[in-house]
Amino acid sequence: MSKRILHLNVNGEYFDDVKSGTKGEEYRLFNDYWCKKLEGREYDEIHYKKGYPKKGDISKILIFPYNGYAVKVINHKHFGQEPVKVFAIPLFN
């Protein structure tokens, strides 16, 4: 059976923060799209990608074990001024 992989494409700032260890969670807006991708589904790994790397460019892909998610309400510059409900996906154990 092949691995079930959750692909998360991010901009360079967030990728570099995760790679350096200063960011340990990835946030995805709690909406219909991400509900379908996450709720009731299991994954083996997260492939955390800097943009959309060319096939075979592993320098822009970090691989983590999938450990589920938590639903949180956060303030984050990416989502605007108001608090928003998100899926918080841990990248490190």
PDB file of N, CA and C in Angstrom:
ATOM      1  N   MET A   1       0.847  -1.187   0.000  1.00  0.00           N
ATOM      2  CA  MET A   1       0.000   0.000   0.000  1.00  0.00           C
ATOM      3  C   MET A   1       0.889   1.247   0.000  1.00  0.00           C
ATOM      4  N   SER A   2       0.552   2.213  -0.800  1.00  0.00           N
ATOM      5  CA  SER A   2       1.367   3.422  -0.884  1.00  0.00           C
ATOM      6  C   SER A   2       1.089   4.343   0.303  1.00  0.00           C
ATOM      7  N   LYS A   3       2.064   5.200   0.579  1.00  0.00           N
ATOM      8  CA  LYS A   3       1.915   6.145   1.680  1.00  0.00           C
ATOM      9  C   LYS A   3       0.847   7.174   1.352  1.00  0.00           C
ATOM     10  N   ARG A   4       0.112   7.554   2.382  1.00  0.00           N
ATOM     11  CA  ARG A   4      -0.884   8.617   2.247  1.00  0.00           C
ATOM     12  C   ARG A   4      -0.199   9.922   2.654  1.00  0.00           C
ATOM     13  N   ILE A   5      -0.073  10.830   1.697  1.00  0.00           N
ATOM     14  CA  ILE A   5       0.724  12.037   1.903  1.00  0.00           C
ATOM     15  C   ILE A   5      -0.158  13.280   1.847  1.00  0.00           C
ATOM     16  N   LEU A   6      -0.010  14.131   2.858  1.00  0.00           N
ATOM     17  CA  LEU A   6      -0.646  15.442   2.870  1.00  0.00           C
ATOM     18  C   LEU A   6       0.377  16.440   2.330  1.00  0.00           C
ATOM     19  N   HIS A   7       0.086  17.034   1.190  1.00  0.00           N
ATOM     20  CA  HIS A   7       0.987  17.998   0.561  1.00  0.00           C
ATOM     21  C   HIS A   7       0.600  19.404   1.011  1.00  0.00           C
ATOM     22  N   LEU A   8       1.562  20.122   1.581  1.00  0.00           N
ATOM     23  CA  LEU A   8       1.339  21.496   2.014  1.00  0.00           C
ATOM     24  C   LEU A   8       2.360  22.395   1.323  1.00  0.00           C
ATOM     25  N   ASN A   9       1.894  23.221   0.399  1.00  0.00           N
ATOM     26  CA  ASN A   9       2.762  24.156  -0.306  1.00  0.00           C
ATOM     27  C   ASN A   9       2.701  25.501   0.410  1.00  0.00           C
ATOM     28  N   VAL A  10       3.873  26.070   0.691  1.00  0.00           N
ATOM     29  CA  VAL A  10       3.947  27.323   1.449  1.00  0.00           C
ATOM     30  C   VAL A  10       4.940  28.278   0.794  1.00  0.00           C
ATOM     31  N   ASN A  11       4.892  29.544   1.219  1.00  0.00           N
ATOM     32  CA  ASN A  11       5.865  30.498   0.686  1.00  0.00           C
ATOM     33  C   ASN A  11       7.210  30.324   1.389  1.00  0.00           C
ATOM     34  N   GLY A  12       8.231  30.938   0.833  1.00  0.00           N
ATOM     35  CA  GLY A  12       9.592  30.757   1.323  1.00  0.00           C
ATOM     36  C   GLY A  12       9.798  31.158   2.764  1.00  0.00           C
ATOM     37  N   GLU A  13       9.127  32.219   3.219  1.00  0.00           N
ATOM     38  CA  GLU A  13       9.278  32.679   4.600  1.00  0.00           C
ATOM     39  C   GLU A  13       8.885  31.581   5.589  1.00  0.00           C
ATOM     40  N   TYR A  14       7.725  30.975   5.386  1.00  0.00           N
ATOM     41  CA  TYR A  14       7.255  29.949   6.312  1.00  0.00           C
ATOM     42  C   TYR A  14       8.095  28.679   6.200  1.00  0.00           C
ATOM     43  N   PHE A  15       8.492  28.319   5.000  1.00  0.00           N
ATOM     44  CA  PHE A  15       9.343  27.146   4.800  1.00  0.00           C
ATOM     45  C   PHE A  15      10.656  27.316   5.564  1.00  0.00           C
ATOM     46  N   ASP A  16      11.283  28.476   5.420  1.00  0.00           N
ATOM     47  CA  ASP A  16      12.560  28.730   6.091  1.00  0.00           C
ATOM     48  C   ASP A  16      12.402  28.731   7.610  1.00  0.00           C
ATOM     49  N   ASP A  17      11.286  29.259   8.116  1.00  0.00           N
ATOM     50  CA  ASP A  17      11.027  29.245   9.562  1.00  0.00           C
ATOM     51  C   ASP A  17      10.905  27.817  10.085  1.00  0.00           C
ATOM     52  N   VAL A  18      10.214  26.966   9.349  1.00  0.00           N
ATOM     53  CA  VAL A  18      10.072  25.565   9.765  1.00  0.00           C
ATOM     54  C   VAL A  18      11.422  24.866   9.690  1.00  0.00           C
ATOM     55  N   LYS A  19      12.141  25.094   8.621  1.00  0.00           N
ATOM     56  CA  LYS A  19      13.447  24.449   8.440  1.00  0.00           C
ATOM     57  C   LYS A  19      14.416  24.833   9.560  1.00  0.00           C
ATOM     58  N   SER A  20      14.341  26.080  10.026  1.00  0.00           N
ATOM     59  CA  SER A  20      15.231  26.533  11.104  1.00  0.00           C
ATOM     60  C   SER A  20      14.724  26.126  12.487  1.00  0.00           C
ATOM     61  N   GLY A  21      13.493  25.620  12.559  1.00  0.00           N
ATOM     62  CA  GLY A  21      12.938  25.171  13.831  1.00  0.00           C
ATOM     63  C   GLY A  21      12.183  26.230  14.606  1.00  0.00           C
ATOM     64  N   THR A  22      11.970  27.416  14.025  1.00  0.00           N
ATOM     65  CA  THR A  22      11.266  28.478  14.745  1.00  0.00           C
ATOM     66  C   THR A  22       9.753  28.437  14.560  1.00  0.00           C
ATOM     67  N   LYS A  23       9.267  27.610  13.655  1.00  0.00           N
ATOM     68  CA  LYS A  23       7.821  27.455  13.421  1.00  0.00           C
ATOM     69  C   LYS A  23       7.510  25.968  13.475  1.00  0.00           C
ATOM     70  N   GLY A  24       6.587  25.578  14.333  1.00  0.00           N
ATOM     71  CA  GLY A  24       6.307  24.158  14.512  1.00  0.00           C
ATOM     72  C   GLY A  24       4.923  23.697  14.090  1.00  0.00           C
ATOM     73  N   GLU A  25       4.072  24.644  13.680  1.00  0.00           N
ATOM     74  CA  GLU A  25       2.720  24.302  13.235  1.00  0.00           C
ATOM     75  C   GLU A  25       2.431  25.012  11.923  1.00  0.00           C
ATOM     76  N   GLU A  26       1.630  24.359  11.101  1.00  0.00           N
ATOM     77  CA  GLU A  26       1.138  24.993   9.873  1.00  0.00           C
ATOM     78  C   GLU A  26      -0.353  25.227  10.052  1.00  0.00           C
ATOM     79  N   TYR A  27      -0.813  26.411   9.676  1.00  0.00           N
ATOM     80  CA  TYR A  27      -2.220  26.768   9.836  1.00  0.00           C
ATOM     81  C   TYR A  27      -2.922  26.771   8.492  1.00  0.00           C
ATOM     82  N   ARG A  28      -4.094  26.161   8.467  1.00  0.00           N
ATOM     83  CA  ARG A  28      -4.958  26.183   7.289  1.00  0.00           C
ATOM     84  C   ARG A  28      -6.331  26.629   7.739  1.00  0.00           C
ATOM     85  N   LEU A  29      -6.915  27.550   6.995  1.00  0.00           N
ATOM     86  CA  LEU A  29      -8.209  28.116   7.342  1.00  0.00           C
ATOM     87  C   LEU A  29      -9.271  27.024   7.461  1.00  0.00           C
ATOM     88  N   PHE A  30     -10.097  27.127   8.467  1.00  0.00           N
ATOM     89  CA  PHE A  30     -11.178  26.164   8.677  1.00  0.00           C
ATOM     90  C   PHE A  30     -12.285  26.498   7.682  1.00  0.00           C
ATOM     91  N   ASN A  31     -12.261  25.833   6.534  1.00  0.00           N
ATOM     92  CA  ASN A  31     -13.272  26.055   5.496  1.00  0.00           C
ATOM     93  C   ASN A  31     -13.631  24.716   4.858  1.00  0.00           C
ATOM     94  N   ASP A  32     -14.568  24.727   3.921  1.00  0.00           N
ATOM     95  CA  ASP A  32     -15.024  23.477   3.303  1.00  0.00           C
ATOM     96  C   ASP A  32     -13.881  22.696   2.666  1.00  0.00           C
ATOM     97  N   TYR A  33     -12.993  23.400   1.972  1.00  0.00           N
ATOM     98  CA  TYR A  33     -11.886  22.724   1.285  1.00  0.00           C
ATOM     99  C   TYR A  33     -11.025  21.946   2.271  1.00  0.00           C
ATOM    100  N   TRP A  34     -10.580  22.628   3.344  1.00  0.00           N
ATOM    101  CA  TRP A  34      -9.688  21.961   4.295  1.00  0.00           C
ATOM    102  C   TRP A  34     -10.436  20.965   5.178  1.00  0.00           C
ATOM    103  N   CYS A  35     -11.711  21.174   5.414  1.00  0.00           N
ATOM    104  CA  CYS A  35     -12.496  20.163   6.138  1.00  0.00           C
ATOM    105  C   CYS A  35     -12.501  18.850   5.359  1.00  0.00           C
ATOM    106  N   LYS A  36     -12.714  18.928   4.046  1.00  0.00           N
ATOM    107  CA  LYS A  36     -12.720  17.714   3.213  1.00  0.00           C
ATOM    108  C   LYS A  36     -11.353  17.054   3.169  1.00  0.00           C
ATOM    109  N   LYS A  37     -10.281  17.853   3.196  1.00  0.00           N
ATOM    110  CA  LYS A  37      -8.922  17.318   3.128  1.00  0.00           C
ATOM    111  C   LYS A  37      -8.478  16.674   4.444  1.00  0.00           C
ATOM    112  N   LEU A  38      -9.022  17.156   5.577  1.00  0.00           N
ATOM    113  CA  LEU A  38      -8.488  16.727   6.866  1.00  0.00           C
ATOM    114  C   LEU A  38      -9.445  15.903   7.725  1.00  0.00           C
ATOM    115  N   GLU A  39     -10.697  16.289   7.806  1.00  0.00           N
ATOM    116  CA  GLU A  39     -11.616  15.621   8.726  1.00  0.00           C
ATOM    117  C   GLU A  39     -11.909  14.195   8.278  1.00  0.00           C
ATOM    118  N   GLY A  40     -11.734  13.255   9.201  1.00  0.00           N
ATOM    119  CA  GLY A  40     -12.024  11.852   8.920  1.00  0.00           C
ATOM    120  C   GLY A  40     -11.017  11.171   8.011  1.00  0.00           C
ATOM    121  N   ARG A  41      -9.884  11.806   7.765  1.00  0.00           N
ATOM    122  CA  ARG A  41      -8.862  11.221   6.897  1.00  0.00           C
ATOM    123  C   ARG A  41      -7.583  11.000   7.687  1.00  0.00           C
ATOM    124  N   GLU A  42      -6.845  10.014   7.275  1.00  0.00           N
ATOM    125  CA  GLU A  42      -5.554   9.710   7.892  1.00  0.00           C
ATOM    126  C   GLU A  42      -4.457   9.839   6.850  1.00  0.00           C
ATOM    127  N   TYR A  43      -3.328  10.336   7.276  1.00  0.00           N
ATOM    128  CA  TYR A  43      -2.155  10.452   6.418  1.00  0.00           C
ATOM    129  C   TYR A  43      -0.972   9.809   7.128  1.00  0.00           C
ATOM    130  N   ASP A  44       0.016   9.400   6.356  1.00  0.00           N
ATOM    131  CA  ASP A  44       1.248   8.856   6.922  1.00  0.00           C
ATOM    132  C   ASP A  44       2.306   9.943   7.081  1.00  0.00           C
ATOM    133  N   GLU A  45       2.364  10.837   6.100  1.00  0.00           N
ATOM    134  CA  GLU A  45       3.402  11.864   6.087  1.00  0.00           C
ATOM    135  C   GLU A  45       2.844  13.203   5.627  1.00  0.00           C
ATOM    136  N   ILE A  46       3.582  14.250   6.011  1.00  0.00           N
ATOM    137  CA  ILE A  46       3.346  15.591   5.491  1.00  0.00           C
ATOM    138  C   ILE A  46       4.538  15.928   4.610  1.00  0.00           C
ATOM    139  N   HIS A  47       4.286  16.361   3.393  1.00  0.00           N
ATOM    140  CA  HIS A  47       5.331  16.888   2.525  1.00  0.00           C
ATOM    141  C   HIS A  47       5.145  18.400   2.490  1.00  0.00           C
ATOM    142  N   TYR A  48       6.029  19.077   3.195  1.00  0.00           N
ATOM    143  CA  TYR A  48       5.979  20.528   3.379  1.00  0.00           C
ATOM    144  C   TYR A  48       6.878  21.148   2.322  1.00  0.00           C
ATOM    145  N   LYS A  49       6.278  21.839   1.350  1.00  0.00           N
ATOM    146  CA  LYS A  49       7.007  22.248   0.147  1.00  0.00           C
ATOM    147  C   LYS A  49       7.135  23.764   0.026  1.00  0.00           C
ATOM    148  N   LYS A  50       8.332  24.173  -0.362  1.00  0.00           N
ATOM    149  CA  LYS A  50       8.596  25.585  -0.645  1.00  0.00           C
ATOM    150  C   LYS A  50       8.100  25.878  -2.051  1.00  0.00           C
ATOM    151  N   GLY A  51       6.935  26.514  -2.135  1.00  0.00           N
ATOM    152  CA  GLY A  51       6.322  26.786  -3.429  1.00  0.00           C
ATOM    153  C   GLY A  51       5.888  25.500  -4.104  1.00  0.00           C
ATOM    154  N   TYR A  52       6.158  25.412  -5.397  1.00  0.00           N
ATOM    155  CA  TYR A  52       5.821  24.231  -6.188  1.00  0.00           C
ATOM    156  C   TYR A  52       7.105  23.746  -6.854  1.00  0.00           C
ATOM    157  N   PRO A  53       7.920  22.976  -6.108  1.00  0.00           N
ATOM    158  CA  PRO A  53       9.230  22.579  -6.631  1.00  0.00           C
ATOM    159  C   PRO A  53       9.126  21.662  -7.843  1.00  0.00           C
ATOM    160  N   LYS A  54      10.164  21.748  -8.683  1.00  0.00           N
ATOM    161  CA  LYS A  54      10.243  20.859  -9.836  1.00  0.00           C
ATOM    162  C   LYS A  54      10.373  19.424  -9.355  1.00  0.00           C
ATOM    163  N   LYS A  55       9.903  18.512 -10.158  1.00  0.00           N
ATOM    164  CA  LYS A  55       9.988  17.092  -9.823  1.00  0.00           C
ATOM    165  C   LYS A  55      11.449  16.731  -9.544  1.00  0.00           C
ATOM    166  N   GLY A  56      11.673  16.082  -8.424  1.00  0.00           N
ATOM    167  CA  GLY A  56      13.017  15.660  -8.057  1.00  0.00           C
ATOM    168  C   GLY A  56      13.811  16.666  -7.246  1.00  0.00           C
ATOM    169  N   ASP A  57      13.292  17.882  -7.056  1.00  0.00           N
ATOM    170  CA  ASP A  57      14.006  18.901  -6.276  1.00  0.00           C
ATOM    171  C   ASP A  57      13.681  18.722  -4.796  1.00  0.00           C
ATOM    172  N   ILE A  58      14.401  17.835  -4.147  1.00  0.00           N
ATOM    173  CA  ILE A  58      14.113  17.524  -2.745  1.00  0.00           C
ATOM    174  C   ILE A  58      14.626  18.588  -1.778  1.00  0.00           C
ATOM    175  N   SER A  59      15.417  19.548  -2.270  1.00  0.00           N
ATOM    176  CA  SER A  59      15.910  20.617  -1.397  1.00  0.00           C
ATOM    177  C   SER A  59      14.773  21.525  -0.929  1.00  0.00           C
ATOM    178  N   LYS A  60      13.651  21.481  -1.603  1.00  0.00           N
ATOM    179  CA  LYS A  60      12.516  22.338  -1.260  1.00  0.00           C
ATOM    180  C   LYS A  60      11.355  21.552  -0.664  1.00  0.00           C
ATOM    181  N   ILE A  61      11.655  20.364  -0.129  1.00  0.00           N
ATOM    182  CA  ILE A  61      10.617  19.532   0.489  1.00  0.00           C
ATOM    183  C   ILE A  61      11.114  19.042   1.843  1.00  0.00           C
ATOM    184  N   LEU A  62      10.326  19.283   2.879  1.00  0.00           N
ATOM    185  CA  LEU A  62      10.591  18.735   4.209  1.00  0.00           C
ATOM    186  C   LEU A  62       9.531  17.678   4.472  1.00  0.00           C
ATOM    187  N   ILE A  63       9.940  16.556   5.035  1.00  0.00           N
ATOM    188  CA  ILE A  63       9.006  15.455   5.282  1.00  0.00           C
ATOM    189  C   ILE A  63       8.879  15.237   6.785  1.00  0.00           C
ATOM    190  N   PHE A  64       7.636  15.204   7.247  1.00  0.00           N
ATOM    191  CA  PHE A  64       7.330  15.003   8.659  1.00  0.00           C
ATOM    192  C   PHE A  64       6.293  13.898   8.802  1.00  0.00           C
ATOM    193  N   PRO A  65       6.294  13.196   9.940  1.00  0.00           N
ATOM    194  CA  PRO A  65       5.196  12.258  10.184  1.00  0.00           C
ATOM    195  C   PRO A  65       3.915  13.047  10.447  1.00  0.00           C
ATOM    196  N   TYR A  66       2.800  12.497  10.026  1.00  0.00           N
ATOM    197  CA  TYR A  66       1.510  13.150  10.255  1.00  0.00           C
ATOM    198  C   TYR A  66       1.012  12.770  11.638  1.00  0.00           C
ATOM    199  N   ASN A  67       0.687  13.783  12.441  1.00  0.00           N
ATOM    200  CA  ASN A  67       0.195  13.565  13.800  1.00  0.00           C
ATOM    201  C   ASN A  67      -1.140  14.253  14.039  1.00  0.00           C
ATOM    202  N   GLY A  68      -1.976  14.291  13.020  1.00  0.00           N
ATOM    203  CA  GLY A  68      -3.299  14.873  13.181  1.00  0.00           C
ATOM    204  C   GLY A  68      -3.277  16.391  13.163  1.00  0.00           C
ATOM    205  N   TYR A  69      -4.283  16.987  13.791  1.00  0.00           N
ATOM    206  CA  TYR A  69      -4.424  18.440  13.813  1.00  0.00           C
ATOM    207  C   TYR A  69      -5.240  18.832  15.029  1.00  0.00           C
ATOM    208  N   ALA A  70      -5.205  20.104  15.338  1.00  0.00           N
ATOM    209  CA  ALA A  70      -6.068  20.682  16.364  1.00  0.00           C
ATOM    210  C   ALA A  70      -6.820  21.835  15.713  1.00  0.00           C
ATOM    211  N   VAL A  71      -8.012  22.105  16.188  1.00  0.00           N
ATOM    212  CA  VAL A  71      -8.765  23.266  15.717  1.00  0.00           C
ATOM    213  C   VAL A  71      -8.547  24.375  16.740  1.00  0.00           C
ATOM    214  N   LYS A  72      -8.107  25.531  16.255  1.00  0.00           N
ATOM    215  CA  LYS A  72      -7.801  26.660  17.131  1.00  0.00           C
ATOM    216  C   LYS A  72      -8.382  27.941  16.543  1.00  0.00           C
ATOM    217  N   VAL A  73      -8.473  28.951  17.390  1.00  0.00           N
ATOM    218  CA  VAL A  73      -8.793  30.305  16.940  1.00  0.00           C
ATOM    219  C   VAL A  73      -7.538  31.135  17.183  1.00  0.00           C
ATOM    220  N   ILE A  74      -7.029  31.758  16.116  1.00  0.00           N
ATOM    221  CA  ILE A  74      -5.768  32.493  16.208  1.00  0.00           C
ATOM    222  C   ILE A  74      -5.877  33.855  15.522  1.00  0.00           C
ATOM    223  N   ASN A  75      -4.929  34.718  15.842  1.00  0.00           N
ATOM    224  CA  ASN A  75      -4.687  35.939  15.083  1.00  0.00           C
ATOM    225  C   ASN A  75      -3.395  35.708  14.318  1.00  0.00           C
ATOM    226  N   HIS A  76      -3.412  35.953  13.023  1.00  0.00           N
ATOM    227  CA  HIS A  76      -2.220  35.737  12.206  1.00  0.00           C
ATOM    228  C   HIS A  76      -2.246  36.722  11.049  1.00  0.00           C
ATOM    229  N   LYS A  77      -1.087  37.307  10.760  1.00  0.00           N
ATOM    230  CA  LYS A  77      -1.011  38.327   9.699  1.00  0.00           C
ATOM    231  C   LYS A  77      -1.509  37.809   8.351  1.00  0.00           C
ATOM    232  N   HIS A  78      -1.332  36.544   8.095  1.00  0.00           N
ATOM    233  CA  HIS A  78      -1.744  35.960   6.818  1.00  0.00           C
ATOM    234  C   HIS A  78      -3.268  35.972   6.644  1.00  0.00           C
ATOM    235  N   PHE A  79      -3.999  35.905   7.760  1.00  0.00           N
ATOM    236  CA  PHE A  79      -5.455  35.817   7.700  1.00  0.00           C
ATOM    237  C   PHE A  79      -6.156  37.140   7.995  1.00  0.00           C
ATOM    238  N   GLY A  80      -5.425  38.217   8.213  1.00  0.00           N
ATOM    239  CA  GLY A  80      -6.036  39.518   8.459  1.00  0.00           C
ATOM    240  C   GLY A  80      -6.067  39.887   9.932  1.00  0.00           C
ATOM    241  N   GLN A  81      -6.811  40.940  10.245  1.00  0.00           N
ATOM    242  CA  GLN A  81      -6.833  41.527  11.587  1.00  0.00           C
ATOM    243  C   GLN A  81      -7.671  40.742  12.599  1.00  0.00           C
ATOM    244  N   GLU A  82      -8.733  40.124  12.147  1.00  0.00           N
ATOM    245  CA  GLU A  82      -9.674  39.459  13.050  1.00  0.00           C
ATOM    246  C   GLU A  82      -9.218  38.040  13.387  1.00  0.00           C
ATOM    247  N   PRO A  83      -9.576  37.533  14.572  1.00  0.00           N
ATOM    248  CA  PRO A  83      -9.285  36.133  14.895  1.00  0.00           C
ATOM    249  C   PRO A  83     -10.027  35.203  13.931  1.00  0.00           C
ATOM    250  N   VAL A  84      -9.381  34.109  13.566  1.00  0.00           N
ATOM    251  CA  VAL A  84      -9.983  33.143  12.645  1.00  0.00           C
ATOM    252  C   VAL A  84      -9.818  31.728  13.189  1.00  0.00           C
ATOM    253  N   LYS A  85     -10.741  30.867  12.785  1.00  0.00           N
ATOM    254  CA  LYS A  85     -10.698  29.457  13.149  1.00  0.00           C
ATOM    255  C   LYS A  85      -9.831  28.735  12.119  1.00  0.00           C
ATOM    256  N   VAL A  86      -8.874  27.933  12.611  1.00  0.00           N
ATOM    257  CA  VAL A  86      -7.935  27.254  11.719  1.00  0.00           C
ATOM    258  C   VAL A  86      -7.727  25.805  12.142  1.00  0.00           C
ATOM    259  N   PHE A  87      -7.214  25.031  11.202  1.00  0.00           N
ATOM    260  CA  PHE A  87      -6.627  23.737  11.512  1.00  0.00           C
ATOM    261  C   PHE A  87      -5.157  24.012  11.814  1.00  0.00           C
ATOM    262  N   ALA A  88      -4.693  23.606  12.978  1.00  0.00           N
ATOM    263  CA  ALA A  88      -3.284  23.738  13.344  1.00  0.00           C
ATOM    264  C   ALA A  88      -2.657  22.352  13.199  1.00  0.00           C
ATOM    265  N   ILE A  89      -1.768  22.220  12.231  1.00  0.00           N
ATOM    266  CA  ILE A  89      -1.163  20.929  11.909  1.00  0.00           C
ATOM    267  C   ILE A  89       0.254  20.914  12.470  1.00  0.00           C
ATOM    268  N   PRO A  90       0.536  20.075  13.486  1.00  0.00           N
ATOM    269  CA  PRO A  90       1.888  20.038  14.051  1.00  0.00           C
ATOM    270  C   PRO A  90       2.877  19.398  13.080  1.00  0.00           C
ATOM    271  N   LEU A  91       4.060  20.000  13.002  1.00  0.00           N
ATOM    272  CA  LEU A  91       5.079  19.487  12.097  1.00  0.00           C
ATOM    273  C   LEU A  91       6.168  18.708  12.824  1.00  0.00           C
ATOM    274  N   PHE A  92       6.324  18.956  14.098  1.00  0.00           N
ATOM    275  CA  PHE A  92       7.311  18.236  14.903  1.00  0.00           C
ATOM    276  C   PHE A  92       6.583  17.484  16.002  1.00  0.00           C
ATOM    277  N   ASN A  93       7.169  16.411  16.475  1.00  0.00           N
ATOM    278  CA  ASN A  93       6.558  15.653  17.586  1.00  0.00           C
ATOM    279  C   ASN A  93       6.781  16.357  18.894  1.00  0.00           C
TER     280      ASN A  93
END
